[in-house]
N, C-alpha and C. Protein backbone atom coordinates (compact mmCIF):
# COMPACT_ATOMS: atom_id res chain seq x y z
N MET A 1 0.89 -1.22 -0.01
CA MET A 1 -0.12 -0.04 0.10
C MET A 1 0.95 1.36 -0.11
N ILE A 2 1.98 1.24 0.77
CA ILE A 2 2.82 2.19 0.81
C ILE A 2 3.44 2.59 -0.34
N LYS A 3 3.96 1.59 -1.21
CA LYS A 3 4.57 1.66 -2.42
C LYS A 3 3.61 2.20 -3.23
N ARG A 4 2.40 1.86 -3.43
CA ARG A 4 1.45 2.65 -4.19
C ARG A 4 1.40 3.85 -4.23
N VAL A 5 1.27 4.47 -2.85
CA VAL A 5 0.90 5.88 -2.54
C VAL A 5 2.28 6.54 -2.90
N THR A 6 3.35 6.03 -2.60
CA THR A 6 4.65 6.67 -3.13
C THR A 6 4.66 6.90 -4.56
N LEU A 7 4.55 5.75 -5.25
CA LEU A 7 4.51 5.81 -6.75
C LEU A 7 3.47 6.64 -7.22
N LEU A 8 2.32 6.86 -6.78
CA LEU A 8 1.22 7.74 -7.37
C LEU A 8 1.86 9.34 -6.88
N LEU A 9 2.27 9.31 -5.63
CA LEU A 9 2.80 10.81 -5.44
C LEU A 9 4.01 11.15 -6.43
N PHE A 10 4.91 10.26 -6.78
CA PHE A 10 6.00 10.71 -7.52
C PHE A 10 5.55 10.88 -8.87
N ILE A 11 4.62 10.31 -9.54
CA ILE A 11 3.96 10.43 -10.75
C ILE A 11 3.39 11.83 -10.89
N LEU A 12 2.58 12.15 -9.81
CA LEU A 12 1.91 13.51 -9.70
C LEU A 12 2.93 14.59 -9.79
N LEU A 13 4.08 14.26 -9.01
CA LEU A 13 5.04 15.39 -8.90
C LEU A 13 5.69 15.58 -10.39
N VAL A 14 5.85 14.61 -10.82
CA VAL A 14 6.58 14.63 -12.22
C VAL A 14 5.81 15.12 -13.22
N PHE A 15 4.54 15.08 -13.30
CA PHE A 15 3.56 15.68 -14.32
C PHE A 15 3.38 17.05 -13.85
N TRP A 16 3.21 17.40 -12.62
CA TRP A 16 2.99 18.80 -12.08
C TRP A 16 4.43 19.63 -12.33
N GLY A 17 5.45 18.93 -12.12
CA GLY A 17 6.79 19.66 -12.51
C GLY A 17 7.11 20.09 -14.03
N CYS A 18 6.65 18.98 -14.95
CA CYS A 18 6.56 19.24 -16.31
C CYS A 18 5.77 20.16 -16.70
N GLU A 19 4.51 20.23 -16.05
CA GLU A 19 3.63 21.29 -16.54
C GLU A 19 4.00 23.02 -16.04
N GLU A 20 4.73 22.94 -14.98
CA GLU A 20 5.34 24.29 -14.44
C GLU A 20 6.52 24.75 -15.43
N ALA A 21 7.20 23.62 -16.07
CA ALA A 21 8.32 24.02 -16.78
C ALA A 21 7.75 24.55 -18.17
N GLU A 22 6.63 23.84 -18.69
CA GLU A 22 6.02 24.36 -19.72
C GLU A 22 5.42 25.74 -19.65
N GLN A 23 4.87 26.24 -18.66
CA GLN A 23 4.54 27.50 -18.25
C GLN A 23 5.41 28.44 -18.46
N GLN A 24 6.58 28.13 -17.77
CA GLN A 24 7.86 29.20 -18.04
C GLN A 24 8.07 29.46 -19.52
N ASN A 25 8.10 28.44 -20.45
CA ASN A 25 8.53 28.63 -21.72
C ASN A 25 7.46 29.30 -22.57
N THR A 26 6.13 29.57 -21.88
CA THR A 26 5.27 30.36 -22.89
C THR A 26 5.33 31.75 -22.28
N ASP A 27 6.11 32.04 -21.41
CA ASP A 27 6.35 33.47 -20.95
C ASP A 27 6.71 34.66 -22.20
N ILE A 28 5.62 35.34 -22.48
CA ILE A 28 5.92 35.99 -23.64
C ILE A 28 6.43 37.47 -23.30
N ARG A 29 7.55 38.03 -23.92
CA ARG A 29 7.94 39.24 -23.39
C ARG A 29 7.58 40.11 -24.49
N ILE A 30 7.44 41.60 -23.92
CA ILE A 30 7.25 42.76 -24.51
C ILE A 30 8.10 43.79 -24.33
N PHE A 31 8.28 44.71 -25.35
CA PHE A 31 9.32 45.63 -25.10
C PHE A 31 8.68 47.07 -25.25
N ILE A 32 8.86 47.84 -24.20
CA ILE A 32 8.14 49.32 -24.33
C ILE A 32 9.12 50.23 -24.40
N PRO A 33 9.38 50.75 -25.71
CA PRO A 33 10.34 51.70 -26.13
C PRO A 33 10.31 53.12 -25.44
N ASN A 34 11.31 53.88 -25.24
CA ASN A 34 11.29 55.20 -24.60
C ASN A 34 12.60 55.94 -25.23
N ALA A 35 12.55 56.67 -26.23
CA ALA A 35 13.72 57.35 -26.65
C ALA A 35 14.04 58.64 -25.93
N ARG A 36 13.17 58.82 -25.21
CA ARG A 36 13.42 60.22 -24.48
C ARG A 36 13.52 61.35 -25.33
N LEU A 37 12.83 61.42 -26.42
CA LEU A 37 13.05 62.70 -27.24
C LEU A 37 11.93 62.87 -27.83
N PRO A 38 11.49 64.15 -28.19
CA PRO A 38 10.31 64.67 -28.82
C PRO A 38 9.93 63.97 -30.23
N ILE A 39 8.70 63.54 -30.49
CA ILE A 39 8.46 62.73 -31.70
C ILE A 39 7.22 63.69 -32.36
N ASP A 40 7.56 63.53 -33.78
CA ASP A 40 6.71 64.26 -34.75
C ASP A 40 5.56 63.46 -35.03
N GLY A 41 4.60 63.88 -35.98
CA GLY A 41 3.47 63.34 -36.51
C GLY A 41 3.89 62.16 -37.39
N ASN A 42 5.10 61.95 -37.96
CA ASN A 42 5.12 60.96 -38.71
C ASN A 42 5.94 59.65 -37.93
N GLY A 43 6.07 59.87 -36.48
CA GLY A 43 6.57 58.89 -35.60
C GLY A 43 8.02 58.94 -35.65
N TYR A 44 8.81 60.00 -36.20
CA TYR A 44 10.04 60.26 -36.13
C TYR A 44 10.63 61.04 -34.84
N TYR A 45 11.67 60.49 -34.13
CA TYR A 45 12.08 61.35 -33.10
C TYR A 45 13.12 62.13 -33.49
N HIS A 46 13.20 63.42 -32.70
CA HIS A 46 14.05 64.52 -33.25
C HIS A 46 15.15 64.78 -32.04
N MET A 47 16.45 64.79 -32.55
CA MET A 47 17.32 64.96 -31.42
C MET A 47 18.24 66.31 -31.88
N THR A 48 18.43 67.32 -31.05
CA THR A 48 19.25 68.42 -31.58
C THR A 48 20.73 68.15 -30.82
N LEU A 49 21.65 68.22 -31.89
CA LEU A 49 23.13 68.08 -31.73
C LEU A 49 23.63 69.21 -31.01
N LEU A 50 24.68 69.00 -30.20
CA LEU A 50 25.29 70.19 -29.35
C LEU A 50 26.05 70.93 -30.27
N GLU A 51 25.87 72.06 -30.55
CA GLU A 51 26.74 73.03 -31.46
C GLU A 51 28.07 73.32 -30.76
N GLY A 52 29.15 73.30 -31.48
CA GLY A 52 30.36 73.28 -31.10
C GLY A 52 31.05 72.10 -30.32
N SER A 53 30.29 70.72 -30.31
CA SER A 53 30.80 69.73 -29.82
C SER A 53 30.96 68.63 -30.93
N TRP A 54 31.70 67.89 -30.91
CA TRP A 54 32.14 66.72 -31.83
C TRP A 54 30.97 65.73 -31.58
N GLN A 55 30.72 65.31 -30.38
CA GLN A 55 29.83 64.28 -30.11
C GLN A 55 28.61 64.58 -29.29
N THR A 56 27.53 64.20 -29.28
CA THR A 56 26.46 64.47 -28.57
C THR A 56 25.97 63.06 -28.04
N LEU A 57 25.84 62.83 -26.49
CA LEU A 57 25.39 61.68 -25.78
C LEU A 57 24.01 61.97 -25.36
N HIS A 58 23.38 60.74 -25.63
CA HIS A 58 21.79 60.61 -25.28
C HIS A 58 21.57 59.36 -24.97
N ARG A 59 20.76 59.26 -23.82
CA ARG A 59 20.40 57.80 -23.14
C ARG A 59 18.88 57.35 -23.84
N ILE A 60 18.84 56.40 -24.43
CA ILE A 60 17.88 55.63 -24.83
C ILE A 60 17.38 54.51 -23.99
N SER A 61 16.05 54.59 -23.60
CA SER A 61 15.62 53.66 -22.60
C SER A 61 14.48 52.64 -23.07
N GLY A 62 14.09 51.52 -22.21
CA GLY A 62 13.04 50.90 -22.53
C GLY A 62 12.62 49.96 -21.50
N TRP A 63 11.63 49.35 -21.49
CA TRP A 63 11.14 48.35 -20.42
C TRP A 63 10.89 47.13 -21.03
N THR A 64 11.15 46.02 -20.38
CA THR A 64 10.63 44.70 -20.79
C THR A 64 9.60 44.13 -19.75
N ALA A 65 8.72 43.59 -20.26
CA ALA A 65 7.68 43.05 -19.22
C ALA A 65 7.10 41.71 -19.79
N ASP A 66 6.54 40.99 -19.01
CA ASP A 66 5.84 39.81 -19.66
C ASP A 66 4.53 40.01 -19.92
N GLN A 67 3.75 39.00 -20.40
CA GLN A 67 2.45 39.25 -20.87
C GLN A 67 1.44 39.49 -19.90
N ASP A 68 1.78 39.58 -18.53
CA ASP A 68 0.76 40.11 -17.55
C ASP A 68 1.49 41.51 -16.99
N THR A 69 2.33 42.14 -17.77
CA THR A 69 2.80 43.47 -17.80
C THR A 69 3.68 43.57 -16.40
N MET A 70 4.24 42.52 -16.09
CA MET A 70 5.19 42.37 -14.88
C MET A 70 6.58 42.46 -15.30
N ALA A 71 7.57 43.52 -14.71
CA ALA A 71 8.79 43.61 -15.14
C ALA A 71 9.42 42.23 -15.26
N THR A 72 10.26 42.16 -16.23
CA THR A 72 11.27 41.05 -16.41
C THR A 72 12.78 41.36 -16.32
N TRP A 73 13.19 40.49 -15.35
CA TRP A 73 14.70 40.67 -15.32
C TRP A 73 15.46 39.99 -16.16
N GLY A 74 16.74 40.50 -16.57
CA GLY A 74 17.72 39.55 -17.30
C GLY A 74 17.31 39.53 -18.83
N THR A 75 16.38 40.15 -19.44
CA THR A 75 16.13 40.13 -20.61
C THR A 75 17.17 40.72 -21.51
N TYR A 76 17.72 40.01 -22.42
CA TYR A 76 18.72 40.68 -23.60
C TYR A 76 18.27 41.53 -24.46
N VAL A 77 18.72 42.78 -24.48
CA VAL A 77 18.51 43.50 -25.58
C VAL A 77 19.73 43.97 -26.38
N GLY A 78 19.67 43.62 -27.91
CA GLY A 78 20.77 44.11 -28.70
C GLY A 78 20.52 45.39 -29.24
N TRP A 79 21.54 46.08 -29.51
CA TRP A 79 21.16 47.39 -29.98
C TRP A 79 22.14 47.61 -31.31
N HIS A 80 21.51 48.30 -32.41
CA HIS A 80 22.28 48.36 -33.59
C HIS A 80 21.86 49.69 -34.23
N SER A 81 22.96 50.26 -34.81
CA SER A 81 22.68 51.69 -35.60
C SER A 81 22.97 51.60 -36.95
N SER A 82 22.33 52.47 -37.73
CA SER A 82 22.43 52.52 -39.11
C SER A 82 23.73 53.29 -39.64
N HIS A 83 24.11 54.15 -38.42
CA HIS A 83 25.29 55.05 -38.77
C HIS A 83 26.54 54.81 -37.94
N TYR A 84 27.64 55.12 -38.32
CA TYR A 84 29.16 54.79 -37.59
C TYR A 84 29.87 56.03 -38.10
N TRP A 85 31.02 56.27 -37.21
CA TRP A 85 31.84 57.17 -37.87
C TRP A 85 33.29 56.63 -37.76
N VAL A 86 34.30 56.96 -38.51
CA VAL A 86 35.56 56.30 -38.63
C VAL A 86 36.81 57.23 -37.80
N LEU A 87 37.50 56.37 -37.03
CA LEU A 87 38.46 57.10 -36.30
C LEU A 87 39.81 57.56 -37.28
N GLY A 88 40.23 58.57 -36.90
CA GLY A 88 41.61 58.86 -37.65
C GLY A 88 42.67 57.92 -37.15
N ASP A 89 43.99 58.19 -37.38
CA ASP A 89 45.01 57.60 -36.83
C ASP A 89 45.42 57.97 -35.14
N THR A 90 44.82 58.90 -34.76
CA THR A 90 45.00 59.37 -33.31
C THR A 90 43.88 59.43 -32.50
N LEU A 91 43.78 58.43 -31.49
CA LEU A 91 42.52 58.47 -30.73
C LEU A 91 42.38 59.48 -29.64
N GLY A 92 43.61 60.05 -29.33
CA GLY A 92 43.70 61.05 -28.18
C GLY A 92 45.14 61.16 -27.73
N TYR A 93 45.42 61.68 -26.61
CA TYR A 93 46.58 61.86 -25.91
C TYR A 93 46.60 61.83 -24.58
N ILE A 94 47.65 61.58 -23.86
CA ILE A 94 47.86 61.73 -22.54
C ILE A 94 49.01 62.77 -22.04
N ILE A 95 48.50 63.47 -21.38
CA ILE A 95 49.69 64.53 -20.94
C ILE A 95 50.05 64.22 -19.49
N ASN A 96 51.46 63.83 -19.43
CA ASN A 96 51.89 63.50 -18.20
C ASN A 96 52.34 64.96 -17.40
N ARG A 97 51.91 64.98 -16.18
CA ARG A 97 52.03 66.21 -15.33
C ARG A 97 52.68 65.69 -14.00
N GLY A 98 53.46 66.68 -13.52
CA GLY A 98 54.18 66.52 -12.38
C GLY A 98 54.35 67.84 -11.60
N LEU A 99 55.03 67.74 -10.42
CA LEU A 99 55.26 68.74 -9.54
C LEU A 99 56.82 69.09 -9.67
N THR A 100 56.91 70.53 -9.65
CA THR A 100 58.36 70.99 -9.72
C THR A 100 58.92 70.94 -8.00
N ASP A 101 60.19 71.26 -7.91
CA ASP A 101 60.52 71.46 -6.42
C ASP A 101 59.79 72.78 -5.64
N ASP A 102 59.26 73.50 -6.45
CA ASP A 102 58.54 74.61 -5.92
C ASP A 102 56.91 74.38 -5.83
N LEU A 103 56.54 73.09 -6.14
CA LEU A 103 55.31 72.47 -5.84
C LEU A 103 54.34 73.38 -6.85
N ILE A 104 54.76 73.40 -8.16
CA ILE A 104 54.04 74.06 -9.33
C ILE A 104 53.93 72.82 -10.18
N TYR A 105 52.59 72.80 -10.59
CA TYR A 105 52.14 71.80 -11.63
C TYR A 105 52.66 72.17 -13.13
N VAL A 106 53.49 71.17 -13.68
CA VAL A 106 53.84 71.35 -14.94
C VAL A 106 53.77 70.24 -15.91
N SER A 107 53.58 70.35 -17.04
CA SER A 107 53.32 69.29 -18.36
C SER A 107 54.82 68.92 -18.71
N TYR A 108 55.24 67.76 -18.54
CA TYR A 108 56.58 67.51 -19.14
C TYR A 108 56.52 66.40 -20.16
N ASP A 109 55.34 65.91 -20.56
CA ASP A 109 55.51 64.99 -21.71
C ASP A 109 54.02 64.69 -22.29
N THR A 110 53.77 64.56 -23.63
CA THR A 110 52.53 64.41 -24.07
C THR A 110 52.92 62.97 -24.77
N THR A 111 51.78 62.01 -24.59
CA THR A 111 52.00 60.63 -25.38
C THR A 111 50.66 60.65 -26.13
N TYR A 112 50.97 60.50 -27.40
CA TYR A 112 49.84 60.28 -28.31
C TYR A 112 49.49 58.83 -28.73
N ILE A 113 48.20 58.46 -28.59
CA ILE A 113 47.48 57.07 -28.71
C ILE A 113 47.27 57.00 -30.01
N THR A 114 47.86 56.22 -30.72
CA THR A 114 47.92 56.13 -32.15
C THR A 114 47.66 54.60 -32.58
N GLY A 115 47.29 54.39 -33.97
CA GLY A 115 47.06 52.96 -34.46
C GLY A 115 45.73 52.64 -34.61
N PHE A 116 44.99 53.37 -34.53
CA PHE A 116 43.32 53.27 -34.71
C PHE A 116 42.92 53.81 -36.05
N ASP A 117 43.52 54.02 -36.90
CA ASP A 117 43.16 54.75 -38.38
C ASP A 117 42.40 53.79 -38.92
N GLY A 118 41.04 54.19 -39.26
CA GLY A 118 40.17 53.49 -40.09
C GLY A 118 39.28 52.54 -39.23
N MET A 119 39.16 52.59 -37.76
CA MET A 119 38.34 51.77 -36.99
C MET A 119 36.98 52.44 -37.14
N GLU A 120 36.05 51.60 -37.24
CA GLU A 120 34.54 52.11 -37.09
C GLU A 120 34.04 52.14 -35.69
N VAL A 121 33.31 53.30 -35.51
CA VAL A 121 32.74 53.56 -34.04
C VAL A 121 31.31 53.74 -34.23
N PRO A 122 30.49 52.64 -33.83
CA PRO A 122 29.06 52.69 -33.75
C PRO A 122 28.55 53.70 -33.09
N THR A 123 27.47 54.31 -33.40
CA THR A 123 26.66 55.39 -32.67
C THR A 123 25.91 55.00 -31.46
N VAL A 124 25.75 53.50 -31.31
CA VAL A 124 25.09 53.11 -30.32
C VAL A 124 25.82 51.99 -29.45
N ASN A 125 25.56 51.79 -28.25
CA ASN A 125 26.29 50.65 -27.65
C ASN A 125 25.54 49.37 -28.13
N SER A 126 26.22 48.19 -27.85
CA SER A 126 25.83 47.04 -28.59
C SER A 126 24.81 46.17 -27.87
N SER A 127 24.64 46.23 -26.58
CA SER A 127 23.83 45.29 -25.99
C SER A 127 23.65 45.82 -24.45
N SER A 128 22.59 45.29 -23.82
CA SER A 128 22.10 45.51 -22.52
C SER A 128 21.30 44.55 -21.83
N ARG A 129 21.27 44.45 -20.71
CA ARG A 129 20.14 43.39 -20.11
C ARG A 129 19.21 44.18 -19.15
N SER A 130 18.01 43.74 -19.07
CA SER A 130 16.94 44.42 -18.05
C SER A 130 17.48 44.27 -16.58
N ASN A 131 17.07 45.39 -15.96
CA ASN A 131 17.23 45.14 -14.45
C ASN A 131 16.07 44.58 -13.67
N SER A 132 16.14 44.51 -12.47
CA SER A 132 14.76 44.09 -11.68
C SER A 132 13.58 44.86 -11.90
N SER A 133 13.65 46.19 -12.33
CA SER A 133 12.57 46.93 -12.72
C SER A 133 12.14 46.74 -14.31
N GLY A 134 12.76 45.89 -15.01
CA GLY A 134 12.67 45.45 -16.23
C GLY A 134 13.14 46.51 -17.28
N GLU A 135 13.98 47.56 -16.67
CA GLU A 135 14.55 48.72 -17.58
C GLU A 135 15.77 48.37 -18.16
N VAL A 136 15.98 48.86 -19.52
CA VAL A 136 17.14 48.78 -20.15
C VAL A 136 17.41 50.15 -20.76
N ASN A 137 18.95 50.26 -20.76
CA ASN A 137 19.45 51.54 -21.35
C ASN A 137 20.65 51.29 -22.40
N THR A 138 20.93 52.09 -23.14
CA THR A 138 21.90 52.32 -24.06
C THR A 138 22.15 53.66 -24.43
N MET A 139 23.46 54.01 -24.69
CA MET A 139 23.89 55.32 -25.23
C MET A 139 23.85 55.32 -26.47
N PHE A 140 23.35 56.47 -26.99
CA PHE A 140 23.34 56.85 -28.46
C PHE A 140 24.30 58.11 -28.64
N ALA A 141 25.26 58.13 -29.47
CA ALA A 141 26.31 59.26 -29.50
C ALA A 141 26.69 59.53 -30.97
N PRO A 142 25.61 60.29 -31.66
CA PRO A 142 26.20 60.64 -33.06
C PRO A 142 27.25 61.67 -32.92
N VAL A 143 27.77 62.00 -34.18
CA VAL A 143 28.77 62.96 -34.23
C VAL A 143 28.23 64.23 -34.94
N TRP A 144 28.74 65.38 -34.87
CA TRP A 144 28.31 66.51 -35.65
C TRP A 144 28.09 66.51 -37.13
N SER A 145 28.95 65.56 -37.81
CA SER A 145 28.98 65.60 -39.23
C SER A 145 27.83 64.86 -39.73
N MET A 146 27.04 64.19 -38.78
CA MET A 146 25.71 63.47 -38.96
C MET A 146 24.63 64.37 -39.05
N ARG A 147 24.71 65.57 -38.77
CA ARG A 147 23.66 66.60 -38.52
C ARG A 147 23.00 66.51 -39.91
N GLY A 148 21.56 66.49 -39.84
CA GLY A 148 20.57 66.42 -40.96
C GLY A 148 20.04 64.96 -41.39
N ASP A 149 20.89 64.05 -40.98
CA ASP A 149 20.70 62.55 -41.14
C ASP A 149 19.62 61.88 -40.35
N THR A 150 19.05 60.93 -40.91
CA THR A 150 17.98 60.01 -40.00
C THR A 150 18.57 58.77 -39.76
N VAL A 151 18.84 58.38 -38.44
CA VAL A 151 19.61 57.35 -38.00
C VAL A 151 18.38 56.34 -37.60
N ASP A 152 18.62 55.04 -37.88
CA ASP A 152 17.68 53.86 -37.53
C ASP A 152 18.44 53.33 -36.35
N VAL A 153 17.85 53.46 -35.13
CA VAL A 153 18.50 52.63 -33.96
C VAL A 153 17.50 51.53 -33.78
N THR A 154 18.05 50.16 -33.75
CA THR A 154 17.10 48.96 -33.58
C THR A 154 17.62 48.50 -32.36
N ALA A 155 16.50 48.03 -31.52
CA ALA A 155 16.41 47.26 -30.36
C ALA A 155 15.92 45.86 -30.70
N ARG A 156 16.61 44.96 -30.40
CA ARG A 156 16.37 43.57 -30.77
C ARG A 156 16.37 42.88 -29.33
N TYR A 157 15.20 42.45 -29.12
CA TYR A 157 15.05 41.60 -27.52
C TYR A 157 14.89 40.09 -27.81
N THR A 158 14.96 39.37 -26.68
CA THR A 158 14.66 37.88 -26.62
C THR A 158 14.25 37.54 -25.28
N ASN A 159 13.69 36.40 -25.41
CA ASN A 159 13.14 35.75 -24.07
C ASN A 159 14.14 34.86 -23.45
N PRO A 160 14.68 34.99 -22.37
CA PRO A 160 15.73 34.06 -22.04
C PRO A 160 15.12 32.78 -21.47
N ALA A 161 13.78 32.58 -21.42
CA ALA A 161 13.16 31.27 -21.03
C ALA A 161 13.24 30.39 -22.17
N TYR A 162 13.39 30.83 -23.49
CA TYR A 162 13.40 30.04 -24.64
C TYR A 162 14.87 29.41 -24.72
N SER A 163 14.90 28.39 -25.34
CA SER A 163 16.31 27.66 -25.66
C SER A 163 16.60 28.17 -26.90
N GLU A 164 15.92 28.33 -27.93
CA GLU A 164 16.48 28.81 -29.22
C GLU A 164 16.19 30.36 -28.99
N ASP A 165 17.02 31.13 -30.08
CA ASP A 165 17.04 32.59 -30.13
C ASP A 165 15.63 33.04 -30.86
N GLU A 166 14.84 33.73 -30.16
CA GLU A 166 13.78 34.16 -30.82
C GLU A 166 13.67 35.71 -30.50
N TYR A 167 13.78 36.51 -31.65
CA TYR A 167 14.07 37.91 -31.50
C TYR A 167 12.78 38.75 -31.85
N GLU A 168 12.62 39.79 -31.36
CA GLU A 168 11.57 40.74 -31.72
C GLU A 168 12.42 42.17 -32.08
N TYR A 169 11.75 42.84 -32.62
CA TYR A 169 12.46 44.11 -33.16
C TYR A 169 11.55 45.54 -32.87
N TYR A 170 12.35 46.46 -32.57
CA TYR A 170 11.75 47.87 -32.57
C TYR A 170 12.77 48.81 -32.99
N VAL A 171 12.25 49.75 -33.80
CA VAL A 171 13.25 50.40 -34.70
C VAL A 171 12.75 52.01 -34.13
N PHE A 172 13.73 52.71 -33.70
CA PHE A 172 13.68 54.16 -33.44
C PHE A 172 14.28 54.86 -34.64
N LYS A 173 13.54 55.69 -35.41
CA LYS A 173 14.17 56.60 -36.31
C LYS A 173 14.35 58.10 -35.79
N ILE A 174 15.52 58.38 -35.75
CA ILE A 174 15.92 59.64 -34.91
C ILE A 174 16.50 60.44 -35.97
N VAL A 175 15.85 61.75 -36.15
CA VAL A 175 16.31 62.87 -36.94
C VAL A 175 17.40 63.64 -36.30
N LEU A 176 18.62 63.75 -36.76
CA LEU A 176 19.67 64.56 -36.05
C LEU A 176 19.71 66.18 -36.61
N ASP A 177 18.94 66.88 -35.79
CA ASP A 177 18.74 68.42 -36.10
C ASP A 177 20.12 69.21 -35.58
């Protein structure tokens, strides 16, 4: 009798556990975009570049939620931009400074960081994961020479509960004013 009850409980637990695992795999994820920019009647976002500055930084956000609109943690969001810029042969420089015997700061050497000629720099960071509130962020950093262009920034997100990669897309169209 005890063996039958134990066997019955074991079978019930196995089927209940399989049902629970199946429910996790049907967890649908949604992405709620927030470019944090003004939008026009055509659905294009507008970003004003900083005059006199080579590059303008802007944070693009979004939230991931499940089908019950509960925040989802750990959702991968990949970001891609239609625009990039190319580095020259010098990335920048380091100025070595020190103190004289009279405790006056002086610059005694400048080291140029070279060897980056032709490297492509994307205008958006490549990936992020949602935090416990479901929020994701990336930095968008167009340069002044892109003024007047319309940039497509794509957010590609997936559900970590699925074993295969299933992606959804959202495209921000940003006009650089």
